[in-house]
Amino acid sequence: HVLITAAEETLKEVLKAIRPEVTVEELSTIIEEVVSSFDVNP
């Protein structure tokens, strides 16, 4: 299901980016961009 794929793939990308001192803006931007690439909405 496209919604499940979009959620799972976005989560993978966010988890890759999580590290000490990363900002909320950086992580929220990844979520926006990856979810939108599936033509669905967060």
PDB file of all heavy atoms in Angstrom:
ATOM      1  N   HIS A   1       0.870  -1.172   0.000  1.00  0.00           N
ATOM      2  CA  HIS A   1       0.000   0.000   0.000  1.00  0.00           C
ATOM      3  C   HIS A   1       0.905   1.220   0.000  1.00  0.00           C
ATOM      4  O   HIS A   1       1.860   1.296   0.774  1.00  0.00           O
ATOM      5  CB  HIS A   1      -0.899  -0.010   1.232  1.00  0.00           C
ATOM      6  CG  HIS A   1      -2.027   0.963   1.167  1.00  0.00           C
ATOM      7  ND1 HIS A   1      -1.833   2.339   1.256  1.00  0.00           N
ATOM      8  CD2 HIS A   1      -3.375   0.793   1.022  1.00  0.00           C
ATOM      9  CE1 HIS A   1      -2.988   2.951   1.174  1.00  0.00           C
ATOM     10  NE2 HIS A   1      -3.946   2.031   1.028  1.00  0.00           N
ATOM     11  N   VAL A   2       0.612   2.191  -0.847  1.00  0.00           N
ATOM     12  CA  VAL A   2       1.497   3.344  -0.995  1.00  0.00           C
ATOM     13  C   VAL A   2       1.677   4.098   0.319  1.00  0.00           C
ATOM     14  O   VAL A   2       2.783   4.599   0.610  1.00  0.00           O
ATOM     15  CB  VAL A   2       0.996   4.292  -2.108  1.00  0.00           C
ATOM     16  CG1 VAL A   2      -0.351   4.918  -1.745  1.00  0.00           C
ATOM     17  CG2 VAL A   2       2.034   5.377  -2.402  1.00  0.00           C
ATOM     18  N   LEU A   3       0.641   4.189   1.131  1.00  0.00           N
ATOM     19  CA  LEU A   3       0.776   4.918   2.390  1.00  0.00           C
ATOM     20  C   LEU A   3       1.728   4.212   3.345  1.00  0.00           C
ATOM     21  O   LEU A   3       2.516   4.860   4.056  1.00  0.00           O
ATOM     22  CB  LEU A   3      -0.588   5.098   3.052  1.00  0.00           C
ATOM     23  CG  LEU A   3      -1.554   6.052   2.353  1.00  0.00           C
ATOM     24  CD1 LEU A   3      -2.897   6.060   3.084  1.00  0.00           C
ATOM     25  CD2 LEU A   3      -0.982   7.462   2.286  1.00  0.00           C
ATOM     26  N   ILE A   4       1.668   2.892   3.372  1.00  0.00           N
ATOM     27  CA  ILE A   4       2.567   2.133   4.237  1.00  0.00           C
ATOM     28  C   ILE A   4       4.003   2.261   3.743  1.00  0.00           C
ATOM     29  O   ILE A   4       4.934   2.511   4.523  1.00  0.00           O
ATOM     30  CB  ILE A   4       2.138   0.654   4.309  1.00  0.00           C
ATOM     31  CG1 ILE A   4       0.741   0.542   4.922  1.00  0.00           C
ATOM     32  CG2 ILE A   4       3.144  -0.158   5.113  1.00  0.00           C
ATOM     33  CD1 ILE A   4       0.163  -0.868   4.902  1.00  0.00           C
ATOM     34  N   THR A   5       4.192   2.114   2.447  1.00  0.00           N
ATOM     35  CA  THR A   5       5.536   2.265   1.874  1.00  0.00           C
ATOM     36  C   THR A   5       6.103   3.645   2.161  1.00  0.00           C
ATOM     37  O   THR A   5       7.267   3.785   2.560  1.00  0.00           O
ATOM     38  CB  THR A   5       5.508   2.024   0.348  1.00  0.00           C
ATOM     39  OG1 THR A   5       4.971   0.722   0.097  1.00  0.00           O
ATOM     40  CG2 THR A   5       6.892   2.132  -0.248  1.00  0.00           C
ATOM     41  N   ALA A   6       5.280   4.674   1.976  1.00  0.00           N
ATOM     42  CA  ALA A   6       5.740   6.049   2.215  1.00  0.00           C
ATOM     43  C   ALA A   6       6.143   6.237   3.675  1.00  0.00           C
ATOM     44  O   ALA A   6       7.181   6.849   3.973  1.00  0.00           O
ATOM     45  CB  ALA A   6       4.640   7.033   1.835  1.00  0.00           C
ATOM     46  N   ALA A   7       5.343   5.731   4.608  1.00  0.00           N
ATOM     47  CA  ALA A   7       5.664   5.881   6.032  1.00  0.00           C
ATOM     48  C   ALA A   7       6.935   5.130   6.392  1.00  0.00           C
ATOM     49  O   ALA A   7       7.822   5.664   7.091  1.00  0.00           O
ATOM     50  CB  ALA A   7       4.497   5.380   6.879  1.00  0.00           C
ATOM     51  N   GLU A   8       7.065   3.907   5.906  1.00  0.00           N
ATOM     52  CA  GLU A   8       8.227   3.089   6.258  1.00  0.00           C
ATOM     53  C   GLU A   8       9.510   3.647   5.651  1.00  0.00           C
ATOM     54  O   GLU A   8      10.566   3.692   6.315  1.00  0.00           O
ATOM     55  CB  GLU A   8       8.003   1.647   5.812  1.00  0.00           C
ATOM     56  CG  GLU A   8       6.920   0.937   6.613  1.00  0.00           C
ATOM     57  CD  GLU A   8       6.625  -0.476   6.131  1.00  0.00           C
ATOM     58  OE1 GLU A   8       7.074  -0.840   5.022  1.00  0.00           O
ATOM     59  OE2 GLU A   8       5.926  -1.204   6.859  1.00  0.00           O
ATOM     60  N   GLU A   9       9.452   4.072   4.392  1.00  0.00           N
ATOM     61  CA  GLU A   9      10.653   4.602   3.739  1.00  0.00           C
ATOM     62  C   GLU A   9      11.066   5.940   4.357  1.00  0.00           C
ATOM     63  O   GLU A   9      12.264   6.217   4.515  1.00  0.00           O
ATOM     64  CB  GLU A   9      10.422   4.756   2.232  1.00  0.00           C
ATOM     65  CG  GLU A   9      10.293   3.435   1.494  1.00  0.00           C
ATOM     66  CD  GLU A   9      11.524   2.553   1.665  1.00  0.00           C
ATOM     67  OE1 GLU A   9      12.653   3.075   1.512  1.00  0.00           O
ATOM     68  OE2 GLU A   9      11.360   1.342   1.949  1.00  0.00           O
ATOM     69  N   THR A  10      10.101   6.758   4.711  1.00  0.00           N
ATOM     70  CA  THR A  10      10.418   8.031   5.365  1.00  0.00           C
ATOM     71  C   THR A  10      11.063   7.784   6.716  1.00  0.00           C
ATOM     72  O   THR A  10      12.064   8.432   7.076  1.00  0.00           O
ATOM     73  CB  THR A  10       9.147   8.880   5.530  1.00  0.00           C
ATOM     74  OG1 THR A  10       8.556   9.096   4.251  1.00  0.00           O
ATOM     75  CG2 THR A  10       9.475  10.227   6.158  1.00  0.00           C
ATOM     76  N   LEU A  11      10.519   6.848   7.473  1.00  0.00           N
ATOM     77  CA  LEU A  11      11.103   6.530   8.776  1.00  0.00           C
ATOM     78  C   LEU A  11      12.551   6.077   8.630  1.00  0.00           C
ATOM     79  O   LEU A  11      13.432   6.495   9.398  1.00  0.00           O
ATOM     80  CB  LEU A  11      10.268   5.458   9.469  1.00  0.00           C
ATOM     81  CG  LEU A  11      10.752   5.017  10.854  1.00  0.00           C
ATOM     82  CD1 LEU A  11      10.822   6.184  11.827  1.00  0.00           C
ATOM     83  CD2 LEU A  11       9.847   3.913  11.407  1.00  0.00           C
ATOM     84  N   LYS A  12      12.836   5.242   7.636  1.00  0.00           N
ATOM     85  CA  LYS A  12      14.215   4.789   7.410  1.00  0.00           C
ATOM     86  C   LYS A  12      15.155   5.966   7.182  1.00  0.00           C
ATOM     87  O   LYS A  12      16.261   6.023   7.734  1.00  0.00           O
ATOM     88  CB  LYS A  12      14.267   3.848   6.201  1.00  0.00           C
ATOM     89  CG  LYS A  12      13.687   2.473   6.439  1.00  0.00           C
ATOM     90  CD  LYS A  12      13.754   1.645   5.158  1.00  0.00           C
ATOM     91  CE  LYS A  12      13.050   0.313   5.309  1.00  0.00           C
ATOM     92  NZ  LYS A  12      13.051  -0.460   4.037  1.00  0.00           N
ATOM     93  N   GLU A  13      14.718   6.923   6.373  1.00  0.00           N
ATOM     94  CA  GLU A  13      15.571   8.064   6.058  1.00  0.00           C
ATOM     95  C   GLU A  13      15.778   8.961   7.277  1.00  0.00           C
ATOM     96  O   GLU A  13      16.888   9.485   7.492  1.00  0.00           O
ATOM     97  CB  GLU A  13      14.970   8.871   4.896  1.00  0.00           C
ATOM     98  CG  GLU A  13      14.942   8.126   3.576  1.00  0.00           C
ATOM     99  CD  GLU A  13      16.326   7.645   3.146  1.00  0.00           C
ATOM    100  OE1 GLU A  13      17.281   8.450   3.206  1.00  0.00           O
ATOM    101  OE2 GLU A  13      16.457   6.455   2.767  1.00  0.00           O
ATOM    102  N   VAL A  14      14.745   9.156   8.058  1.00  0.00           N
ATOM    103  CA  VAL A  14      14.892   9.978   9.265  1.00  0.00           C
ATOM    104  C   VAL A  14      15.829   9.307  10.268  1.00  0.00           C
ATOM    105  O   VAL A  14      16.688   9.964  10.868  1.00  0.00           O
ATOM    106  CB  VAL A  14      13.517  10.249   9.908  1.00  0.00           C
ATOM    107  CG1 VAL A  14      13.675  10.992  11.222  1.00  0.00           C
ATOM    108  CG2 VAL A  14      12.635  11.048   8.976  1.00  0.00           C
ATOM    109  N   LEU A  15      15.674   8.007  10.460  1.00  0.00           N
ATOM    110  CA  LEU A  15      16.537   7.296  11.398  1.00  0.00           C
ATOM    111  C   LEU A  15      18.006   7.382  10.989  1.00  0.00           C
ATOM    112  O   LEU A  15      18.900   7.482  11.844  1.00  0.00           O
ATOM    113  CB  LEU A  15      16.100   5.836  11.519  1.00  0.00           C
ATOM    114  CG  LEU A  15      14.752   5.596  12.223  1.00  0.00           C
ATOM    115  CD1 LEU A  15      14.365   4.123  12.135  1.00  0.00           C
ATOM    116  CD2 LEU A  15      14.798   6.052  13.682  1.00  0.00           C
ATOM    117  N   LYS A  16      18.282   7.378   9.680  1.00  0.00           N
ATOM    118  CA  LYS A  16      19.663   7.526   9.206  1.00  0.00           C
ATOM    119  C   LYS A  16      20.251   8.878   9.585  1.00  0.00           C
ATOM    120  O   LYS A  16      21.458   9.015   9.794  1.00  0.00           O
ATOM    121  CB  LYS A  16      19.705   7.388   7.679  1.00  0.00           C
ATOM    122  CG  LYS A  16      19.492   5.991   7.147  1.00  0.00           C
ATOM    123  CD  LYS A  16      19.513   6.025   5.617  1.00  0.00           C
ATOM    124  CE  LYS A  16      19.110   4.708   5.010  1.00  0.00           C
ATOM    125  NZ  LYS A  16      19.044   4.793   3.519  1.00  0.00           N
ATOM    126  N   ALA A  17      19.385   9.889   9.683  1.00  0.00           N
ATOM    127  CA  ALA A  17      19.852  11.265   9.915  1.00  0.00           C
ATOM    128  C   ALA A  17      19.945  11.625  11.402  1.00  0.00           C
ATOM    129  O   ALA A  17      20.526  12.663  11.748  1.00  0.00           O
ATOM    130  CB  ALA A  17      18.916  12.242   9.211  1.00  0.00           C
ATOM    131  N   ILE A  18      19.376  10.795  12.268  1.00  0.00           N
ATOM    132  CA  ILE A  18      19.364  11.130  13.699  1.00  0.00           C
ATOM    133  C   ILE A  18      20.757  10.945  14.294  1.00  0.00           C
ATOM    134  O   ILE A  18      21.382   9.891  14.155  1.00  0.00           O
ATOM    135  CB  ILE A  18      18.316  10.290  14.444  1.00  0.00           C
ATOM    136  CG1 ILE A  18      16.905  10.773  14.085  1.00  0.00           C
ATOM    137  CG2 ILE A  18      18.522  10.374  15.957  1.00  0.00           C
ATOM    138  CD1 ILE A  18      15.784   9.996  14.745  1.00  0.00           C
ATOM    139  N   ARG A  19      21.228  11.986  14.967  1.00  0.00           N
ATOM    140  CA  ARG A  19      22.533  12.007  15.614  1.00  0.00           C
ATOM    141  C   ARG A  19      22.514  13.151  16.623  1.00  0.00           C
ATOM    142  O   ARG A  19      21.658  14.034  16.544  1.00  0.00           O
ATOM    143  CB  ARG A  19      23.647  12.230  14.588  1.00  0.00           C
ATOM    144  CG  ARG A  19      23.551  13.571  13.897  1.00  0.00           C
ATOM    145  CD  ARG A  19      24.532  13.729  12.749  1.00  0.00           C
ATOM    146  NE  ARG A  19      24.473  15.084  12.199  1.00  0.00           N
ATOM    147  CZ  ARG A  19      23.544  15.528  11.365  1.00  0.00           C
ATOM    148  NH1 ARG A  19      22.578  14.715  10.966  1.00  0.00           N
ATOM    149  NH2 ARG A  19      23.581  16.781  10.928  1.00  0.00           N
ATOM    150  N   PRO A  20      23.448  13.177  17.570  1.00  0.00           N
ATOM    151  CA  PRO A  20      23.508  14.310  18.487  1.00  0.00           C
ATOM    152  C   PRO A  20      23.710  15.633  17.737  1.00  0.00           C
ATOM    153  O   PRO A  20      24.492  15.689  16.775  1.00  0.00           O
ATOM    154  CB  PRO A  20      24.723  13.987  19.366  1.00  0.00           C
ATOM    155  CG  PRO A  20      24.847  12.502  19.308  1.00  0.00           C
ATOM    156  CD  PRO A  20      24.429  12.119  17.920  1.00  0.00           C
ATOM    157  N   GLU A  21      22.958  16.649  18.146  1.00  0.00           N
ATOM    158  CA  GLU A  21      23.035  18.011  17.612  1.00  0.00           C
ATOM    159  C   GLU A  21      22.285  18.215  16.290  1.00  0.00           C
ATOM    160  O   GLU A  21      22.259  19.326  15.767  1.00  0.00           O
ATOM    161  CB  GLU A  21      24.489  18.481  17.450  1.00  0.00           C
ATOM    162  CG  GLU A  21      25.296  18.461  18.739  1.00  0.00           C
ATOM    163  CD  GLU A  21      24.674  19.307  19.832  1.00  0.00           C
ATOM    164  OE1 GLU A  21      24.493  20.518  19.626  1.00  0.00           O
ATOM    165  OE2 GLU A  21      24.359  18.744  20.902  1.00  0.00           O
ATOM    166  N   VAL A  22      21.677  17.178  15.721  1.00  0.00           N
ATOM    167  CA  VAL A  22      20.827  17.401  14.551  1.00  0.00           C
ATOM    168  C   VAL A  22      19.631  18.237  15.002  1.00  0.00           C
ATOM    169  O   VAL A  22      19.200  18.151  16.157  1.00  0.00           O
ATOM    170  CB  VAL A  22      20.358  16.069  13.924  1.00  0.00           C
ATOM    171  CG1 VAL A  22      19.394  15.318  14.833  1.00  0.00           C
ATOM    172  CG2 VAL A  22      19.742  16.287  12.553  1.00  0.00           C
ATOM    173  N   THR A  23      19.114  19.071  14.121  1.00  0.00           N
ATOM    174  CA  THR A  23      18.017  19.956  14.515  1.00  0.00           C
ATOM    175  C   THR A  23      16.656  19.381  14.131  1.00  0.00           C
ATOM    176  O   THR A  23      16.538  18.557  13.205  1.00  0.00           O
ATOM    177  CB  THR A  23      18.151  21.344  13.869  1.00  0.00           C
ATOM    178  OG1 THR A  23      17.974  21.224  12.455  1.00  0.00           O
ATOM    179  CG2 THR A  23      19.509  21.961  14.185  1.00  0.00           C
ATOM    180  N   VAL A  24      15.644  19.869  14.830  1.00  0.00           N
ATOM    181  CA  VAL A  24      14.267  19.494  14.497  1.00  0.00           C
ATOM    182  C   VAL A  24      13.957  19.913  13.063  1.00  0.00           C
ATOM    183  O   VAL A  24      13.290  19.177  12.318  1.00  0.00           O
ATOM    184  CB  VAL A  24      13.286  20.146  15.486  1.00  0.00           C
ATOM    185  CG1 VAL A  24      11.842  19.959  15.022  1.00  0.00           C
ATOM    186  CG2 VAL A  24      13.468  19.564  16.885  1.00  0.00           C
ATOM    187  N   GLU A  25      14.439  21.067  12.639  1.00  0.00           N
ATOM    188  CA  GLU A  25      14.196  21.524  11.269  1.00  0.00           C
ATOM    189  C   GLU A  25      14.757  20.536  10.252  1.00  0.00           C
ATOM    190  O   GLU A  25      14.084  20.209   9.257  1.00  0.00           O
ATOM    191  CB  GLU A  25      14.815  22.899  11.045  1.00  0.00           C
ATOM    192  CG  GLU A  25      14.562  23.424   9.625  1.00  0.00           C
ATOM    193  CD  GLU A  25      15.117  24.817   9.414  1.00  0.00           C
ATOM    194  OE1 GLU A  25      16.164  25.153   9.999  1.00  0.00           O
ATOM    195  OE2 GLU A  25      14.491  25.577   8.649  1.00  0.00           O
ATOM    196  N   GLU A  26      15.967  20.052  10.477  1.00  0.00           N
ATOM    197  CA  GLU A  26      16.570  19.104   9.539  1.00  0.00           C
ATOM    198  C   GLU A  26      15.737  17.832   9.416  1.00  0.00           C
ATOM    199  O   GLU A  26      15.485  17.341   8.307  1.00  0.00           O
ATOM    200  CB  GLU A  26      17.992  18.761   9.982  1.00  0.00           C
ATOM    201  CG  GLU A  26      18.994  19.886   9.837  1.00  0.00           C
ATOM    202  CD  GLU A  26      20.342  19.524  10.417  1.00  0.00           C
ATOM    203  OE1 GLU A  26      20.520  19.649  11.644  1.00  0.00           O
ATOM    204  OE2 GLU A  26      21.219  19.099   9.638  1.00  0.00           O
ATOM    205  N   LEU A  27      15.304  17.282  10.549  1.00  0.00           N
ATOM    206  CA  LEU A  27      14.542  16.033  10.516  1.00  0.00           C
ATOM    207  C   LEU A  27      13.155  16.250   9.929  1.00  0.00           C
ATOM    208  O   LEU A  27      12.677  15.419   9.130  1.00  0.00           O
ATOM    209  CB  LEU A  27      14.437  15.458  11.926  1.00  0.00           C
ATOM    210  CG  LEU A  27      15.768  15.046  12.580  1.00  0.00           C
ATOM    211  CD1 LEU A  27      15.525  14.504  13.979  1.00  0.00           C
ATOM    212  CD2 LEU A  27      16.522  14.026  11.737  1.00  0.00           C
ATOM    213  N   SER A  28      12.500  17.334  10.296  1.00  0.00           N
ATOM    214  CA  SER A  28      11.158  17.587   9.767  1.00  0.00           C
ATOM    215  C   SER A  28      11.198  17.852   8.261  1.00  0.00           C
ATOM    216  O   SER A  28      10.248  17.510   7.539  1.00  0.00           O
ATOM    217  CB  SER A  28      10.498  18.757  10.500  1.00  0.00           C
ATOM    218  OG  SER A  28      11.177  19.975  10.270  1.00  0.00           O
ATOM    219  N   THR A  29      12.297  18.420   7.775  1.00  0.00           N
ATOM    220  CA  THR A  29      12.450  18.641   6.334  1.00  0.00           C
ATOM    221  C   THR A  29      12.559  17.318   5.585  1.00  0.00           C
ATOM    222  O   THR A  29      11.967  17.140   4.513  1.00  0.00           O
ATOM    223  CB  THR A  29      13.689  19.514   6.048  1.00  0.00           C
ATOM    224  OG1 THR A  29      13.519  20.781   6.690  1.00  0.00           O
ATOM    225  CG2 THR A  29      13.886  19.730   4.558  1.00  0.00           C
ATOM    226  N   ILE A  30      13.309  16.373   6.161  1.00  0.00           N
ATOM    227  CA  ILE A  30      13.413  15.041   5.552  1.00  0.00           C
ATOM    228  C   ILE A  30      12.037  14.400   5.460  1.00  0.00           C
ATOM    229  O   ILE A  30      11.658  13.825   4.422  1.00  0.00           O
ATOM    230  CB  ILE A  30      14.380  14.148   6.365  1.00  0.00           C
ATOM    231  CG1 ILE A  30      15.818  14.663   6.231  1.00  0.00           C
ATOM    232  CG2 ILE A  30      14.294  12.686   5.886  1.00  0.00           C
ATOM    233  CD1 ILE A  30      16.788  13.994   7.187  1.00  0.00           C
ATOM    234  N   ILE A  31      11.270  14.496   6.541  1.00  0.00           N
ATOM    235  CA  ILE A  31       9.925  13.911   6.538  1.00  0.00           C
ATOM    236  C   ILE A  31       9.079  14.513   5.428  1.00  0.00           C
ATOM    237  O   ILE A  31       8.449  13.800   4.638  1.00  0.00           O
ATOM    238  CB  ILE A  31       9.247  14.118   7.909  1.00  0.00           C
ATOM    239  CG1 ILE A  31      10.005  13.355   9.000  1.00  0.00           C
ATOM    240  CG2 ILE A  31       7.781  13.663   7.857  1.00  0.00           C
ATOM    241  CD1 ILE A  31       9.570  13.682  10.412  1.00  0.00           C
ATOM    242  N   GLU A  32       9.072  15.835   5.352  1.00  0.00           N
ATOM    243  CA  GLU A  32       8.291  16.535   4.321  1.00  0.00           C
ATOM    244  C   GLU A  32       8.670  16.064   2.922  1.00  0.00           C
ATOM    245  O   GLU A  32       7.807  15.733   2.089  1.00  0.00           O
ATOM    246  CB  GLU A  32       8.540  18.043   4.445  1.00  0.00           C
ATOM    247  CG  GLU A  32       7.903  18.876   3.363  1.00  0.00           C
ATOM    248  CD  GLU A  32       6.572  19.455   3.774  1.00  0.00           C
ATOM    249  OE1 GLU A  32       6.352  19.647   4.977  1.00  0.00           O
ATOM    250  OE2 GLU A  32       5.759  19.700   2.877  1.00  0.00           O
ATOM    251  N   GLU A  33       9.975  16.024   2.657  1.00  0.00           N
ATOM    252  CA  GLU A  33      10.445  15.731   1.300  1.00  0.00           C
ATOM    253  C   GLU A  33      10.201  14.277   0.907  1.00  0.00           C
ATOM    254  O   GLU A  33       9.767  14.002  -0.228  1.00  0.00           O
ATOM    255  CB  GLU A  33      11.920  16.091   1.180  1.00  0.00           C
ATOM    256  CG  GLU A  33      12.176  17.596   1.265  1.00  0.00           C
ATOM    257  CD  GLU A  33      13.651  17.965   1.230  1.00  0.00           C
ATOM    258  OE1 GLU A  33      14.496  17.041   1.336  1.00  0.00           O
ATOM    259  OE2 GLU A  33      13.948  19.166   1.104  1.00  0.00           O
ATOM    260  N   VAL A  34      10.471  13.345   1.824  1.00  0.00           N
ATOM    261  CA  VAL A  34      10.336  11.929   1.457  1.00  0.00           C
ATOM    262  C   VAL A  34       8.866  11.541   1.330  1.00  0.00           C
ATOM    263  O   VAL A  34       8.469  10.883   0.357  1.00  0.00           O
ATOM    264  CB  VAL A  34      11.069  11.012   2.458  1.00  0.00           C
ATOM    265  CG1 VAL A  34      10.898   9.543   2.038  1.00  0.00           C
ATOM    266  CG2 VAL A  34      12.552  11.364   2.521  1.00  0.00           C
ATOM    267  N   VAL A  35       8.041  11.964   2.274  1.00  0.00           N
ATOM    268  CA  VAL A  35       6.614  11.648   2.174  1.00  0.00           C
ATOM    269  C   VAL A  35       6.042  12.225   0.880  1.00  0.00           C
ATOM    270  O   VAL A  35       5.316  11.537   0.133  1.00  0.00           O
ATOM    271  CB  VAL A  35       5.827  12.182   3.390  1.00  0.00           C
ATOM    272  CG1 VAL A  35       4.320  12.030   3.156  1.00  0.00           C
ATOM    273  CG2 VAL A  35       6.224  11.436   4.656  1.00  0.00           C
ATOM    274  N   SER A  36       6.365  13.474   0.574  1.00  0.00           N
ATOM    275  CA  SER A  36       5.823  14.131  -0.616  1.00  0.00           C
ATOM    276  C   SER A  36       6.270  13.457  -1.907  1.00  0.00           C
ATOM    277  O   SER A  36       5.550  13.512  -2.919  1.00  0.00           O
ATOM    278  CB  SER A  36       6.237  15.609  -0.633  1.00  0.00           C
ATOM    279  OG  SER A  36       5.707  16.282   0.488  1.00  0.00           O
ATOM    280  N   SER A  37       7.423  12.791  -1.873  1.00  0.00           N
ATOM    281  CA  SER A  37       7.915  12.110  -3.079  1.00  0.00           C
ATOM    282  C   SER A  37       7.025  10.947  -3.491  1.00  0.00           C
ATOM    283  O   SER A  37       7.106  10.465  -4.626  1.00  0.00           O
ATOM    284  CB  SER A  37       9.353  11.629  -2.866  1.00  0.00           C
ATOM    285  OG  SER A  37       9.409  10.512  -2.000  1.00  0.00           O
ATOM    286  N   PHE A  38       6.165  10.491  -2.583  1.00  0.00           N
ATOM    287  CA  PHE A  38       5.220   9.405  -2.883  1.00  0.00           C
ATOM    288  C   PHE A  38       3.849   9.962  -3.293  1.00  0.00           C
ATOM    289  O   PHE A  38       2.899   9.193  -3.450  1.00  0.00           O
ATOM    290  CB  PHE A  38       5.065   8.483  -1.667  1.00  0.00           C
ATOM    291  CG  PHE A  38       6.255   7.610  -1.411  1.00  0.00           C
ATOM    292  CD1 PHE A  38       7.307   8.060  -0.613  1.00  0.00           C
ATOM    293  CD2 PHE A  38       6.341   6.340  -1.958  1.00  0.00           C
ATOM    294  CE1 PHE A  38       8.411   7.255  -0.369  1.00  0.00           C
ATOM    295  CE2 PHE A  38       7.442   5.529  -1.725  1.00  0.00           C
ATOM    296  CZ  PHE A  38       8.488   5.991  -0.925  1.00  0.00           C
ATOM    297  N   ASP A  39       3.758  11.281  -3.442  1.00  0.00           N
ATOM    298  CA  ASP A  39       2.499  11.942  -3.802  1.00  0.00           C
ATOM    299  C   ASP A  39       1.401  11.711  -2.775  1.00  0.00           C
ATOM    300  O   ASP A  39       0.218  11.563  -3.125  1.00  0.00           O
ATOM    301  CB  ASP A  39       2.024  11.514  -5.201  1.00  0.00           C
ATOM    302  CG  ASP A  39       2.935  12.039  -6.300  1.00  0.00           C
ATOM    303  OD1 ASP A  39       3.432  13.171  -6.167  1.00  0.00           O
ATOM    304  OD2 ASP A  39       3.149  11.307  -7.283  1.00  0.00           O
ATOM    305  N   VAL A  40       1.807  11.644  -1.521  1.00  0.00           N
ATOM    306  CA  VAL A  40       0.853  11.587  -0.420  1.00  0.00           C
ATOM    307  C   VAL A  40       1.262  12.670   0.586  1.00  0.00           C
ATOM    308  O   VAL A  40       2.274  13.346   0.410  1.00  0.00           O
ATOM    309  CB  VAL A  40       0.809  10.193   0.245  1.00  0.00           C
ATOM    310  CG1 VAL A  40       0.387   9.134  -0.768  1.00  0.00           C
ATOM    311  CG2 VAL A  40       2.157   9.826   0.874  1.00  0.00           C
ATOM    312  N   ASN A  41       0.484  12.820   1.652  1.00  0.00           N
ATOM    313  CA  ASN A  41       0.732  13.888   2.617  1.00  0.00           C
ATOM    314  C   ASN A  41       1.136  13.357   3.983  1.00  0.00           C
ATOM    315  O   ASN A  41       0.623  12.326   4.430  1.00  0.00           O
ATOM    316  CB  ASN A  41      -0.532  14.745   2.798  1.00  0.00           C
ATOM    317  CG  ASN A  41      -0.862  15.543   1.562  1.00  0.00           C
ATOM    318  OD1 ASN A  41       0.024  16.110   0.929  1.00  0.00           O
ATOM    319  ND2 ASN A  41      -2.142  15.599   1.216  1.00  0.00           N
ATOM    320  N   PRO A  42       2.036  14.075   4.676  1.00  0.00           N
ATOM    321  CA  PRO A  42       2.245  13.783   6.097  1.00  0.00           C
ATOM    322  C   PRO A  42       1.094  14.368   6.903  1.00  0.00           C
ATOM    323  O   PRO A  42       0.395  15.269   6.429  1.00  0.00           O
ATOM    324  CB  PRO A  42       3.554  14.526   6.411  1.00  0.00           C
ATOM    325  CG  PRO A  42       3.549  15.695   5.477  1.00  0.00           C
ATOM    326  CD  PRO A  42       2.864  15.219   4.212  1.00  0.00           C
TER     327      PRO A  42
END
